[in-house]
N, C-alpha and C. Protein backbone atom coordinates (compact mmCIF):
# COMPACT_ATOMS: atom_id res chain seq x y z
N UNK A 1 75.85 118.19 59.55
CA UNK A 1 75.81 120.02 59.51
C UNK A 1 77.91 119.59 59.25
N UNK A 2 77.99 118.62 60.39
CA UNK A 2 80.06 118.69 60.16
C UNK A 2 80.16 117.87 58.87
N UNK A 3 79.42 116.62 58.32
CA UNK A 3 79.80 116.24 57.40
C UNK A 3 80.03 117.12 56.54
N UNK A 4 79.09 117.94 56.35
CA UNK A 4 78.63 118.57 55.30
C UNK A 4 80.03 119.59 54.84
N UNK A 5 80.57 120.06 56.09
CA UNK A 5 81.42 121.09 56.15
C UNK A 5 82.54 120.18 55.87
N UNK A 6 82.70 119.00 56.61
CA UNK A 6 84.34 118.38 56.37
C UNK A 6 84.36 118.31 54.68
N UNK A 7 83.24 118.06 54.06
CA UNK A 7 83.42 117.73 52.56
C UNK A 7 83.57 118.91 51.75
N UNK A 8 82.74 120.17 51.87
CA UNK A 8 83.28 121.71 51.85
C UNK A 8 84.61 121.91 51.53
N UNK A 9 85.84 121.47 52.71
CA UNK A 9 86.88 121.41 52.97
C UNK A 9 87.58 120.88 52.42
N UNK A 10 86.99 119.55 51.83
CA UNK A 10 88.22 118.36 51.28
C UNK A 10 87.63 119.36 49.75
N UNK A 11 86.87 119.51 49.41
CA UNK A 11 86.39 119.99 48.44
C UNK A 11 87.12 121.27 47.81
N UNK A 12 87.44 121.78 48.99
CA UNK A 12 88.62 123.33 48.98
C UNK A 12 89.27 123.26 48.67
N UNK A 13 89.85 122.03 49.42
CA UNK A 13 91.36 121.78 49.30
C UNK A 13 91.73 121.14 48.44
N UNK A 14 90.80 120.53 47.64
CA UNK A 14 91.25 119.88 45.98
C UNK A 14 91.37 120.70 45.36
N UNK A 15 90.65 121.76 45.19
CA UNK A 15 90.58 123.20 44.24
C UNK A 15 92.02 124.07 44.32
N UNK A 16 92.32 124.26 45.63
CA UNK A 16 93.69 124.98 45.87
C UNK A 16 94.70 123.98 45.33
N UNK A 17 94.72 122.70 45.62
CA UNK A 17 95.77 121.98 44.96
C UNK A 17 95.95 122.13 43.31
N UNK A 18 94.86 121.95 43.00
CA UNK A 18 94.54 121.84 41.43
C UNK A 18 95.48 123.46 40.89
N UNK A 19 94.81 124.17 41.69
CA UNK A 19 95.38 125.43 41.25
C UNK A 19 96.72 125.81 41.33
N UNK A 20 97.46 125.12 42.59
CA UNK A 20 98.74 125.73 42.69
C UNK A 20 99.44 124.64 41.41
N UNK A 21 99.02 123.83 41.53
CA UNK A 21 99.61 122.46 39.77
C UNK A 21 99.63 123.17 39.10
N UNK A 22 98.38 123.82 38.46
CA UNK A 22 98.09 124.47 37.44
C UNK A 22 98.87 125.86 37.10
N UNK A 23 99.12 126.27 38.38
CA UNK A 23 100.10 127.85 38.45
C UNK A 23 101.20 127.14 38.39
N UNK A 24 101.72 126.35 38.83
CA UNK A 24 103.31 125.44 38.55
C UNK A 24 103.49 125.13 37.12
N UNK A 25 102.46 124.29 36.28
CA UNK A 25 102.66 123.87 35.28
C UNK A 25 103.01 124.89 34.40
N UNK A 26 102.06 126.28 34.29
CA UNK A 26 102.06 127.15 33.40
C UNK A 26 103.36 128.05 33.86
N UNK A 27 104.30 127.96 35.11
CA UNK A 27 105.16 128.79 34.98
C UNK A 27 106.46 128.25 34.46
N UNK A 28 106.83 126.46 34.58
CA UNK A 28 107.21 125.88 33.92
C UNK A 28 107.23 125.69 32.77
N UNK A 29 106.28 126.02 31.75
CA UNK A 29 106.20 126.47 30.86
C UNK A 29 106.87 127.47 30.36
N UNK A 30 106.58 128.75 30.60
CA UNK A 30 106.79 129.80 30.80
C UNK A 30 108.81 129.71 30.54
N UNK A 31 109.01 129.49 31.69
CA UNK A 31 110.51 129.40 31.84
C UNK A 31 110.91 128.75 30.69
N UNK A 32 110.82 127.55 30.14
CA UNK A 32 110.51 126.63 29.46
C UNK A 32 110.79 127.93 27.84
N UNK A 33 110.05 128.30 27.72
CA UNK A 33 109.50 128.77 26.46
C UNK A 33 110.44 130.37 25.96
N UNK A 34 110.87 130.76 27.38
CA UNK A 34 112.03 132.17 27.44
C UNK A 34 113.27 131.80 27.93
N UNK A 35 113.50 130.75 28.18
CA UNK A 35 114.72 130.17 28.09
C UNK A 35 115.66 130.40 26.95
N UNK A 36 116.95 131.41 26.65
CA UNK A 36 118.15 131.07 25.65
C UNK A 36 118.24 129.79 25.25
N UNK A 37 118.03 129.70 24.25
CA UNK A 37 118.83 128.80 23.17
C UNK A 37 119.86 128.26 23.07
N UNK A 38 120.76 127.17 23.76
CA UNK A 38 121.96 127.28 23.63
C UNK A 38 122.93 127.02 22.65
N UNK A 39 124.05 127.82 22.34
CA UNK A 39 124.44 127.96 21.81
C UNK A 39 125.25 126.95 21.12
N UNK A 40 124.92 126.15 19.81
CA UNK A 40 125.63 125.13 19.43
C UNK A 40 127.38 125.89 18.54
N UNK A 41 128.37 125.30 19.07
CA UNK A 41 129.36 125.65 19.34
C UNK A 41 130.74 124.81 17.88
N UNK A 42 129.71 123.56 17.69
CA UNK A 42 130.43 122.66 16.88
C UNK A 42 130.79 123.87 15.56
N UNK A 43 132.03 123.48 15.02
CA UNK A 43 132.85 124.30 13.75
C UNK A 43 132.91 125.31 13.76
N UNK A 44 132.70 125.96 15.23
CA UNK A 44 132.84 127.49 15.38
C UNK A 44 134.72 127.86 15.24
N UNK A 45 135.20 129.10 14.97
CA UNK A 45 136.72 129.20 15.20
C UNK A 45 137.19 129.50 16.84
N UNK A 46 138.12 129.23 17.36
CA UNK A 46 138.18 129.76 18.76
C UNK A 46 138.22 131.45 18.99
N UNK A 47 136.92 131.70 20.03
CA UNK A 47 136.82 132.95 19.89
C UNK A 47 137.24 133.77 21.10
N UNK A 48 137.66 134.74 20.95
CA UNK A 48 138.00 135.63 22.19
C UNK A 48 137.27 136.58 22.48
N UNK A 49 136.43 136.19 23.38
CA UNK A 49 135.28 137.17 23.91
C UNK A 49 135.65 138.02 24.85
N UNK A 50 135.31 139.66 24.14
CA UNK A 50 136.47 140.89 25.03
C UNK A 50 134.68 141.69 24.66
N UNK A 51 134.28 141.63 25.05
CA UNK A 51 132.88 142.37 24.59
C UNK A 51 132.85 144.01 25.16
N UNK A 52 132.38 144.90 24.54
CA UNK A 52 132.91 146.37 24.59
C UNK A 52 132.11 146.86 25.56
N UNK A 53 132.23 147.64 26.77
CA UNK A 53 131.52 148.39 27.23
C UNK A 53 130.07 148.92 26.89
N UNK A 54 128.91 149.24 27.00
CA UNK A 54 128.20 149.68 26.92
C UNK A 54 128.01 151.19 26.78
N UNK A 55 127.77 151.54 25.63
CA UNK A 55 127.83 153.03 25.32
C UNK A 55 127.49 153.78 24.27
N UNK A 56 126.98 154.60 23.91
CA UNK A 56 126.34 155.44 22.73
C UNK A 56 127.13 155.41 21.22
N UNK A 57 128.72 155.14 21.30
CA UNK A 57 129.18 155.19 20.30
C UNK A 57 129.30 154.16 19.81
N UNK A 58 130.00 152.99 20.54
CA UNK A 58 130.38 151.66 19.82
C UNK A 58 129.63 150.48 20.16
N UNK A 59 128.86 150.42 21.16
CA UNK A 59 127.93 149.54 21.58
C UNK A 59 126.44 149.69 22.19
N UNK A 60 125.55 150.27 21.66
CA UNK A 60 124.41 151.12 22.02
C UNK A 60 123.28 149.98 23.08
N UNK A 61 123.55 148.78 22.50
CA UNK A 61 122.74 147.89 23.17
C UNK A 61 121.47 147.43 22.76
N UNK A 62 121.42 148.09 21.20
CA UNK A 62 120.16 148.03 20.69
C UNK A 62 120.16 146.68 20.14
N UNK A 63 118.68 145.87 20.55
CA UNK A 63 118.08 144.67 20.09
C UNK A 63 118.58 144.38 18.68
N UNK A 64 119.05 143.15 18.25
CA UNK A 64 119.15 142.75 17.07
C UNK A 64 117.57 142.20 16.58
N UNK A 65 117.61 142.56 15.50
CA UNK A 65 116.34 141.78 15.16
C UNK A 65 116.66 140.70 14.10
N UNK A 66 116.07 139.78 13.68
CA UNK A 66 116.45 138.48 13.41
C UNK A 66 117.24 138.64 11.92
N UNK A 67 118.61 138.00 12.38
CA UNK A 67 119.45 138.26 11.59
C UNK A 67 119.53 137.46 9.90
N UNK A 68 119.49 138.30 9.26
CA UNK A 68 119.44 138.24 7.46
C UNK A 68 120.55 137.63 6.79
N UNK A 69 121.87 138.19 7.38
CA UNK A 69 123.34 137.95 6.57
C UNK A 69 124.15 138.47 7.29
N UNK A 70 125.54 138.41 6.59
CA UNK A 70 126.61 138.92 6.83
C UNK A 70 127.67 139.82 6.78
N UNK A 71 128.10 140.52 6.94
CA UNK A 71 128.70 141.60 6.28
C UNK A 71 130.30 141.61 6.90
N UNK A 72 131.16 141.51 5.54
CA UNK A 72 132.91 141.52 5.79
C UNK A 72 132.77 142.84 5.48
N UNK A 73 134.13 143.25 6.14
CA UNK A 73 134.62 144.65 5.73
C UNK A 73 135.90 144.50 6.35
N UNK A 74 136.78 145.14 5.59
CA UNK A 74 138.21 145.35 6.15
C UNK A 74 138.76 146.15 6.95
N UNK A 75 139.36 146.57 7.80
CA UNK A 75 139.38 147.70 8.51
C UNK A 75 140.41 149.07 7.76
N UNK A 76 141.40 149.10 7.08
CA UNK A 76 141.49 150.09 5.87
C UNK A 76 142.77 150.74 7.06
N UNK A 77 143.58 149.89 7.61
CA UNK A 77 144.66 150.41 8.74
C UNK A 77 145.49 149.18 8.40
N UNK A 78 145.70 149.25 7.75
CA UNK A 78 147.51 147.95 7.28
C UNK A 78 148.33 147.61 8.65
N UNK A 79 148.13 146.29 8.61
CA UNK A 79 149.21 146.41 9.69
C UNK A 79 148.62 146.33 11.04
N UNK A 80 147.04 146.86 11.00
CA UNK A 80 146.88 147.03 12.81
C UNK A 80 146.35 145.49 13.32
N UNK A 81 146.50 145.49 14.09
CA UNK A 81 146.12 144.28 14.76
C UNK A 81 144.53 144.04 15.59
N UNK A 82 143.89 142.75 15.71
CA UNK A 82 142.65 142.28 16.16
C UNK A 82 142.38 143.69 17.10
N UNK A 83 143.27 143.03 18.26
CA UNK A 83 143.33 143.69 19.65
C UNK A 83 143.17 145.50 19.60
N UNK A 84 144.01 146.06 18.68
CA UNK A 84 144.14 147.21 18.48
C UNK A 84 142.70 147.60 17.80
N UNK A 85 141.77 147.24 16.85
CA UNK A 85 140.90 147.73 16.60
C UNK A 85 140.10 147.37 17.69
N UNK A 86 139.62 146.15 18.22
CA UNK A 86 138.93 145.74 19.00
C UNK A 86 138.56 147.63 20.14
N UNK A 87 140.13 147.63 21.08
CA UNK A 87 140.43 148.50 21.92
C UNK A 87 140.08 150.00 20.93
N UNK A 88 139.99 150.46 19.41
CA UNK A 88 139.80 151.66 19.19
C UNK A 88 138.16 151.52 19.78
N UNK A 89 137.57 150.70 19.26
CA UNK A 89 136.27 150.77 19.21
C UNK A 89 135.51 150.97 20.50
N UNK A 90 136.46 150.64 22.00
CA UNK A 90 136.20 150.58 22.99
C UNK A 90 136.35 152.06 23.73
N UNK A 91 137.60 152.15 22.68
CA UNK A 91 138.10 154.26 23.11
C UNK A 91 136.89 154.80 22.84
N UNK A 92 136.27 154.44 21.70
CA UNK A 92 135.06 155.64 21.72
C UNK A 92 134.46 156.21 22.30
N UNK A 93 133.62 155.23 23.20
CA UNK A 93 133.40 155.88 24.20
C UNK A 93 133.74 157.17 24.93
N UNK A 94 134.79 156.81 25.53
CA UNK A 94 135.61 158.51 25.74
C UNK A 94 135.70 159.68 24.72
N UNK A 95 136.23 159.10 23.48
CA UNK A 95 136.28 160.28 22.72
C UNK A 95 135.55 160.51 21.90
N UNK A 96 134.08 160.15 22.07
CA UNK A 96 132.79 160.41 21.03
C UNK A 96 133.79 160.46 19.87
N UNK A 97 134.55 160.44 19.14
CA UNK A 97 134.61 161.19 17.75
C UNK A 97 133.68 160.78 16.81
N UNK A 98 133.43 159.55 17.00
CA UNK A 98 132.42 159.10 15.68
C UNK A 98 131.56 157.91 16.32
N UNK A 99 130.60 157.13 15.48
CA UNK A 99 130.16 155.85 15.75
C UNK A 99 130.63 154.21 15.40
N UNK A 100 130.74 153.83 15.80
CA UNK A 100 131.79 152.48 14.37
C UNK A 100 131.79 151.34 15.79
N UNK A 101 131.84 149.98 15.43
CA UNK A 101 132.31 149.07 16.06
C UNK A 101 132.13 147.66 15.07
N UNK A 102 132.10 146.78 15.27
CA UNK A 102 131.67 145.21 14.53
C UNK A 102 131.90 144.36 15.73
N UNK A 103 130.59 143.51 15.37
CA UNK A 103 130.68 142.34 16.31
C UNK A 103 132.11 141.53 16.17
N UNK A 104 132.81 141.02 15.89
CA UNK A 104 134.13 140.36 15.28
C UNK A 104 135.29 141.37 15.40
N UNK A 105 136.65 140.64 15.29
CA UNK A 105 137.10 141.51 14.35
C UNK A 105 138.42 140.25 14.24
N UNK A 106 138.96 140.24 13.35
CA UNK A 106 139.95 139.04 12.52
C UNK A 106 141.35 139.63 12.72
N UNK A 107 142.62 138.76 13.13
CA UNK A 107 143.71 139.93 13.12
C UNK A 107 144.61 138.95 12.34
N UNK A 108 145.61 139.56 12.14
CA UNK A 108 146.29 138.68 11.33
C UNK A 108 147.75 137.42 11.28
N UNK A 109 146.93 137.21 12.86
CA UNK A 109 147.40 135.52 12.77
C UNK A 109 146.07 134.58 13.14
N UNK A 110 145.15 135.30 12.23
CA UNK A 110 144.08 134.68 12.65
C UNK A 110 143.22 134.20 13.44
N UNK A 111 143.39 135.67 14.77
CA UNK A 111 142.79 135.45 15.54
C UNK A 111 141.42 135.91 15.92
N UNK A 112 140.50 135.22 16.21
CA UNK A 112 138.87 136.07 16.46
C UNK A 112 138.92 136.89 18.00
N UNK A 113 138.20 138.13 17.65
CA UNK A 113 137.76 138.75 18.68
C UNK A 113 136.54 139.36 18.51
N UNK A 114 135.06 138.51 19.52
CA UNK A 114 133.86 139.08 19.59
C UNK A 114 134.09 140.50 20.65
N UNK A 115 133.57 141.33 19.76
CA UNK A 115 133.47 142.69 20.81
C UNK A 115 132.00 142.91 20.92
N UNK A 116 130.68 142.16 20.25
CA UNK A 116 129.30 142.85 20.45
C UNK A 116 128.53 141.23 20.15
N UNK A 117 127.89 140.82 21.43
CA UNK A 117 127.19 140.04 21.04
C UNK A 117 126.21 140.03 19.91
N UNK A 118 125.82 138.69 19.65
CA UNK A 118 125.13 138.60 18.24
C UNK A 118 123.32 138.94 18.58
N UNK A 119 123.18 139.02 19.74
CA UNK A 119 122.11 139.23 19.88
C UNK A 119 121.57 141.20 20.12
N UNK A 120 122.73 141.86 19.69
CA UNK A 120 122.95 143.57 19.79
C UNK A 120 123.43 143.99 18.88
N UNK A 121 122.69 145.42 18.03
CA UNK A 121 123.79 145.78 16.65
C UNK A 121 124.42 146.27 16.94
N UNK A 122 125.32 146.20 15.84
CA UNK A 122 126.96 147.54 15.83
C UNK A 122 127.03 148.25 14.95
N UNK A 123 127.66 149.28 14.93
CA UNK A 123 127.67 150.16 14.15
C UNK A 123 128.48 150.06 13.09
N UNK A 124 128.29 149.44 11.80
CA UNK A 124 129.28 149.02 11.09
C UNK A 124 128.56 149.18 9.66
N UNK A 125 127.16 148.52 9.41
CA UNK A 125 127.04 148.51 8.17
C UNK A 125 125.47 149.13 7.43
N UNK A 126 125.34 150.63 8.54
CA UNK A 126 124.45 151.42 7.86
C UNK A 126 123.35 150.72 8.02
N UNK A 127 122.60 150.50 6.60
CA UNK A 127 121.15 150.16 7.09
C UNK A 127 121.21 149.05 7.31
N UNK A 128 121.78 148.12 7.33
CA UNK A 128 122.17 146.79 7.49
C UNK A 128 122.18 146.50 9.01
N UNK A 129 122.41 147.29 9.76
CA UNK A 129 123.12 147.21 10.93
C UNK A 129 121.96 146.41 12.00
N UNK A 130 120.66 146.81 11.58
CA UNK A 130 119.54 145.81 12.28
C UNK A 130 119.00 144.51 12.12
N UNK A 131 119.72 144.04 11.01
CA UNK A 131 119.60 142.14 10.46
C UNK A 131 120.51 141.36 10.17
N UNK A 132 122.13 142.56 10.49
CA UNK A 132 123.36 141.71 10.17
C UNK A 132 124.26 141.83 11.01
N UNK A 133 125.20 141.01 11.21
CA UNK A 133 126.13 140.41 11.94
C UNK A 133 127.95 141.11 11.23
N UNK A 134 128.80 141.95 11.78
CA UNK A 134 129.55 142.32 11.22
C UNK A 134 130.95 142.08 11.70
N UNK A 135 131.72 142.00 10.48
CA UNK A 135 132.86 141.28 11.02
C UNK A 135 134.23 142.16 10.09
N UNK A 136 134.56 142.58 10.72
CA UNK A 136 136.25 143.81 10.71
C UNK A 136 137.40 142.38 10.21
N UNK A 137 138.17 142.91 9.44
CA UNK A 137 139.10 142.21 8.91
C UNK A 137 140.47 142.77 8.93
N UNK A 138 141.57 142.54 9.31
CA UNK A 138 142.99 142.98 9.27
C UNK A 138 143.74 142.76 8.45
N UNK A 139 144.64 143.58 7.76
CA UNK A 139 145.63 142.95 6.08
C UNK A 139 146.70 143.89 6.26
N UNK A 140 147.58 143.06 6.06
CA UNK A 140 148.87 143.20 6.38
C UNK A 140 149.47 144.30 5.43
N UNK A 141 149.36 145.07 4.63
CA UNK A 141 149.07 146.16 3.09
C UNK A 141 147.62 146.68 2.53
N UNK A 142 148.57 147.59 1.65
CA UNK A 142 147.13 148.56 1.40
C UNK A 142 145.98 148.12 0.30
N UNK A 143 146.82 146.31 -0.17
CA UNK A 143 145.93 146.13 -1.13
C UNK A 143 144.70 145.79 -0.19
N UNK A 144 144.73 145.48 0.81
CA UNK A 144 143.29 145.12 1.19
C UNK A 144 143.32 143.62 1.45
N UNK A 145 144.15 142.72 0.81
CA UNK A 145 144.20 141.66 0.62
C UNK A 145 144.26 140.56 2.05
N UNK A 146 143.59 140.05 2.32
CA UNK A 146 144.02 139.11 3.74
C UNK A 146 145.10 138.21 3.92
N UNK A 147 145.65 137.67 4.80
CA UNK A 147 146.93 136.95 4.63
C UNK A 147 145.80 135.48 5.15
N UNK A 148 146.90 134.48 5.04
CA UNK A 148 146.23 133.45 5.03
C UNK A 148 145.61 132.98 5.77
N UNK A 149 146.25 133.26 7.61
CA UNK A 149 145.79 133.19 8.43
C UNK A 149 144.18 133.99 8.96
N UNK A 150 144.16 135.21 8.36
CA UNK A 150 142.93 136.08 8.35
C UNK A 150 141.97 135.03 7.64
N UNK A 151 142.58 135.06 6.59
CA UNK A 151 141.25 134.41 5.52
C UNK A 151 141.06 133.35 6.27
N UNK A 152 141.57 132.24 6.56
CA UNK A 152 141.07 130.88 6.82
C UNK A 152 140.04 131.67 8.15
N UNK A 153 140.26 132.16 8.74
CA UNK A 153 139.53 132.25 10.00
C UNK A 153 138.12 132.60 9.65
N UNK A 154 138.40 133.65 8.67
CA UNK A 154 137.21 134.46 8.20
C UNK A 154 136.58 133.23 7.74
N UNK A 155 136.80 132.44 6.49
CA UNK A 155 135.67 131.37 5.99
C UNK A 155 135.16 130.35 7.24
N UNK A 156 135.89 129.69 8.42
CA UNK A 156 135.11 129.24 9.32
C UNK A 156 134.33 130.03 9.90
N UNK A 157 134.70 131.29 10.23
CA UNK A 157 133.98 132.02 11.30
C UNK A 157 132.19 132.52 10.54
N UNK A 158 132.53 132.77 9.29
CA UNK A 158 130.96 133.04 8.38
C UNK A 158 130.76 131.54 8.02
N UNK A 159 131.27 130.61 8.17
CA UNK A 159 130.41 129.36 7.90
C UNK A 159 129.87 128.96 9.26
N UNK A 160 130.33 128.84 10.25
CA UNK A 160 129.63 128.43 11.02
C UNK A 160 128.81 129.60 11.85
N UNK A 161 128.51 130.72 11.05
CA UNK A 161 127.47 131.65 11.89
C UNK A 161 126.75 131.20 10.25
N UNK A 162 126.36 131.23 9.39
CA UNK A 162 125.59 130.60 8.81
C UNK A 162 124.95 129.49 8.84
N UNK A 163 125.71 128.42 9.55
CA UNK A 163 124.92 127.47 10.37
C UNK A 163 123.87 127.56 11.01
N UNK A 164 124.65 128.61 12.12
CA UNK A 164 124.24 128.31 13.34
C UNK A 164 122.60 129.53 13.12
N UNK A 165 122.85 130.36 12.19
CA UNK A 165 121.63 131.65 12.31
C UNK A 165 120.95 131.06 10.36
N UNK A 166 121.03 129.84 10.39
CA UNK A 166 120.42 129.01 9.19
C UNK A 166 120.36 130.06 8.09
N UNK A 167 121.71 130.65 7.17
CA UNK A 167 121.79 131.92 6.05
C UNK A 167 122.65 130.73 5.15
N UNK A 168 122.73 131.49 3.65
CA UNK A 168 123.30 130.90 2.70
C UNK A 168 124.99 131.46 2.84
N UNK A 169 125.69 131.17 1.37
CA UNK A 169 126.60 131.55 1.63
C UNK A 169 126.03 133.32 0.45
N UNK A 170 125.37 133.45 0.19
CA UNK A 170 124.74 134.31 -0.85
C UNK A 170 124.53 135.14 0.12
N UNK A 171 123.97 134.86 1.39
CA UNK A 171 123.55 136.01 2.57
C UNK A 171 124.67 136.79 2.85
N UNK A 172 126.07 136.26 2.81
CA UNK A 172 127.37 136.82 3.40
C UNK A 172 127.00 138.00 1.96
N UNK A 173 127.66 139.27 2.52
CA UNK A 173 127.77 140.11 1.75
C UNK A 173 128.91 141.58 2.10
N UNK A 174 129.27 142.28 0.66
CA UNK A 174 130.23 142.92 1.30
C UNK A 174 129.93 144.17 1.82
N UNK A 175 130.83 144.95 2.59
CA UNK A 175 130.28 146.55 3.00
C UNK A 175 130.04 147.34 1.70
N UNK A 176 130.44 147.21 0.71
CA UNK A 176 130.45 148.04 -0.41
C UNK A 176 128.81 147.26 -1.13
N UNK A 177 128.37 146.46 -1.02
CA UNK A 177 127.18 145.62 -1.10
C UNK A 177 125.99 146.65 -0.98
N UNK A 178 126.28 147.19 0.33
CA UNK A 178 125.29 147.98 1.51
C UNK A 178 125.31 149.36 0.76
N UNK A 179 126.23 149.99 1.18
CA UNK A 179 126.69 151.25 0.46
C UNK A 179 127.32 152.06 -0.37
N UNK A 180 128.39 151.20 -1.71
CA UNK A 180 128.87 151.25 -2.33
C UNK A 180 130.13 151.96 -2.28
N UNK A 181 130.83 151.41 -0.49
CA UNK A 181 132.07 151.66 -0.42
C UNK A 181 132.65 151.00 -1.02
N UNK A 182 134.48 151.18 -0.91
CA UNK A 182 135.25 150.81 -1.47
C UNK A 182 135.39 149.27 -0.18
N UNK A 183 135.18 148.71 0.45
CA UNK A 183 135.31 148.10 1.61
C UNK A 183 134.63 146.38 1.79
N UNK A 184 135.04 145.20 2.05
CA UNK A 184 137.18 145.52 1.91
C UNK A 184 137.17 145.20 0.53
N UNK A 185 138.33 146.13 0.30
CA UNK A 185 139.04 146.43 -0.36
C UNK A 185 139.39 145.34 -1.99
N UNK A 186 139.92 144.56 -1.19
CA UNK A 186 140.29 143.34 -2.37
C UNK A 186 139.32 142.49 -2.70
N UNK A 187 138.45 142.46 -1.78
CA UNK A 187 137.27 141.81 -2.67
C UNK A 187 136.62 142.61 -3.25
N UNK A 188 136.72 144.08 -3.27
CA UNK A 188 136.15 144.94 -4.35
C UNK A 188 136.44 144.77 -5.16
N UNK A 189 137.44 145.00 -5.85
CA UNK A 189 138.28 145.12 -6.64
C UNK A 189 138.49 143.81 -7.87
N UNK A 190 138.03 142.54 -6.26
CA UNK A 190 138.62 141.23 -7.59
C UNK A 190 137.43 140.74 -6.83
N UNK A 191 136.08 140.71 -8.07
CA UNK A 191 134.71 140.07 -7.85
C UNK A 191 135.23 138.55 -7.86
N UNK A 192 136.17 137.73 -8.56
CA UNK A 192 136.27 136.52 -8.64
C UNK A 192 137.05 136.07 -7.25
N UNK A 193 137.75 136.83 -6.48
CA UNK A 193 138.16 136.32 -5.13
C UNK A 193 136.88 136.56 -4.33
N UNK A 194 136.25 137.08 -4.49
CA UNK A 194 134.75 137.23 -3.76
C UNK A 194 133.85 135.96 -4.02
N UNK A 195 133.76 136.05 -5.44
CA UNK A 195 132.80 134.06 -5.75
C UNK A 195 133.80 133.48 -4.76
N UNK A 196 135.37 132.98 -5.19
CA UNK A 196 135.59 131.53 -5.01
C UNK A 196 135.38 131.85 -3.06
N UNK A 197 135.41 133.00 -2.75
CA UNK A 197 135.31 132.99 -1.41
C UNK A 197 133.85 132.08 -0.53
N UNK A 198 133.04 133.24 -1.44
CA UNK A 198 131.62 132.53 -1.31
C UNK A 198 131.31 130.98 -1.54
N UNK A 199 132.14 130.48 -2.16
CA UNK A 199 132.32 129.13 -2.46
C UNK A 199 132.51 128.10 -1.14
N UNK A 200 133.99 129.02 -1.18
CA UNK A 200 134.68 127.98 0.15
C UNK A 200 133.56 128.31 1.46
N UNK A 201 133.15 129.55 1.48
CA UNK A 201 132.51 129.20 2.98
C UNK A 201 130.54 128.44 2.72
N UNK A 202 130.01 128.48 1.31
CA UNK A 202 129.37 127.32 1.51
C UNK A 202 130.08 125.69 1.45
N UNK A 203 131.33 125.29 1.56
CA UNK A 203 131.76 123.96 1.11
C UNK A 203 131.91 124.36 2.99
N UNK A 204 132.69 125.00 3.58
CA UNK A 204 132.81 124.69 4.83
C UNK A 204 131.90 124.53 5.85
N UNK A 205 130.82 125.26 5.18
CA UNK A 205 129.49 125.11 6.01
C UNK A 205 129.17 123.80 5.65
N UNK A 206 128.80 123.03 4.30
CA UNK A 206 128.17 121.82 4.47
C UNK A 206 129.91 120.93 5.02
N UNK A 207 130.40 120.82 5.10
CA UNK A 207 131.79 120.18 5.62
C UNK A 207 131.41 120.39 7.97
N UNK A 208 130.78 121.23 8.22
CA UNK A 208 130.64 121.21 9.67
C UNK A 208 129.70 120.44 9.64
N UNK A 209 128.28 121.14 8.91
CA UNK A 209 127.23 120.01 9.06
C UNK A 209 127.55 118.42 9.16
N UNK A 210 127.95 117.90 7.95
CA UNK A 210 128.15 116.40 7.90
C UNK A 210 129.07 115.99 8.90
N UNK A 211 130.09 117.23 9.27
CA UNK A 211 130.73 116.28 11.18
C UNK A 211 130.12 116.17 11.66
N UNK A 212 129.05 116.95 11.91
CA UNK A 212 128.22 116.89 13.09
C UNK A 212 127.66 116.08 13.36
N UNK A 213 126.92 115.47 12.22
CA UNK A 213 125.96 114.25 12.15
C UNK A 213 126.85 113.23 12.33
N UNK A 214 127.98 113.02 12.10
CA UNK A 214 128.68 111.99 12.37
C UNK A 214 129.19 111.35 13.47
N UNK A 215 129.26 112.86 14.89
CA UNK A 215 129.60 112.43 15.69
C UNK A 215 128.95 111.71 16.45
N UNK A 216 129.82 110.96 17.18
CA UNK A 216 129.06 109.98 18.26
C UNK A 216 128.26 110.38 19.21
């Protein structure tokens, strides 16, 4: 009788141990599956992350769907800085005057400020808010043309985002292409400049991918 009891206890212990191991493996698998994919920063421009405070007017905290494109905008405020535009978006939580924001703002010196994580929507591109990242660009005058520093950072940022989210240059659009609004003004008025920009984005993306593969 004692021997039978010991055998039953041993079997019970084996079952308990196997259950614990199984649960541990399931938990490890779940955690690994839930772990966010590390961001590949290779080829990215320097980005100053200044996330907006969560609020209903500029950072609603709504989850982004699958990212299918990138929308380029201009500030329509000649001479303004990236910091001033970012601070304007932040101030909307208090003024409540309208809903507006952007994932990134590029300044006149080529500085890039990130206002909203790529995992959340911004209020920038109307019907495409749900599946696009938005980039606001500063410009020195009424023509809306970006200076060299702003343009260079825009090409690099867009190329890196295309690489990161597996997009093509054809997935990069203007606000104009969503709503017909004259934004970004210079690229709407000069289709050849827009086509040139897309070609430079494609070339920059290819260069980033090539250089990454050559990294030791």
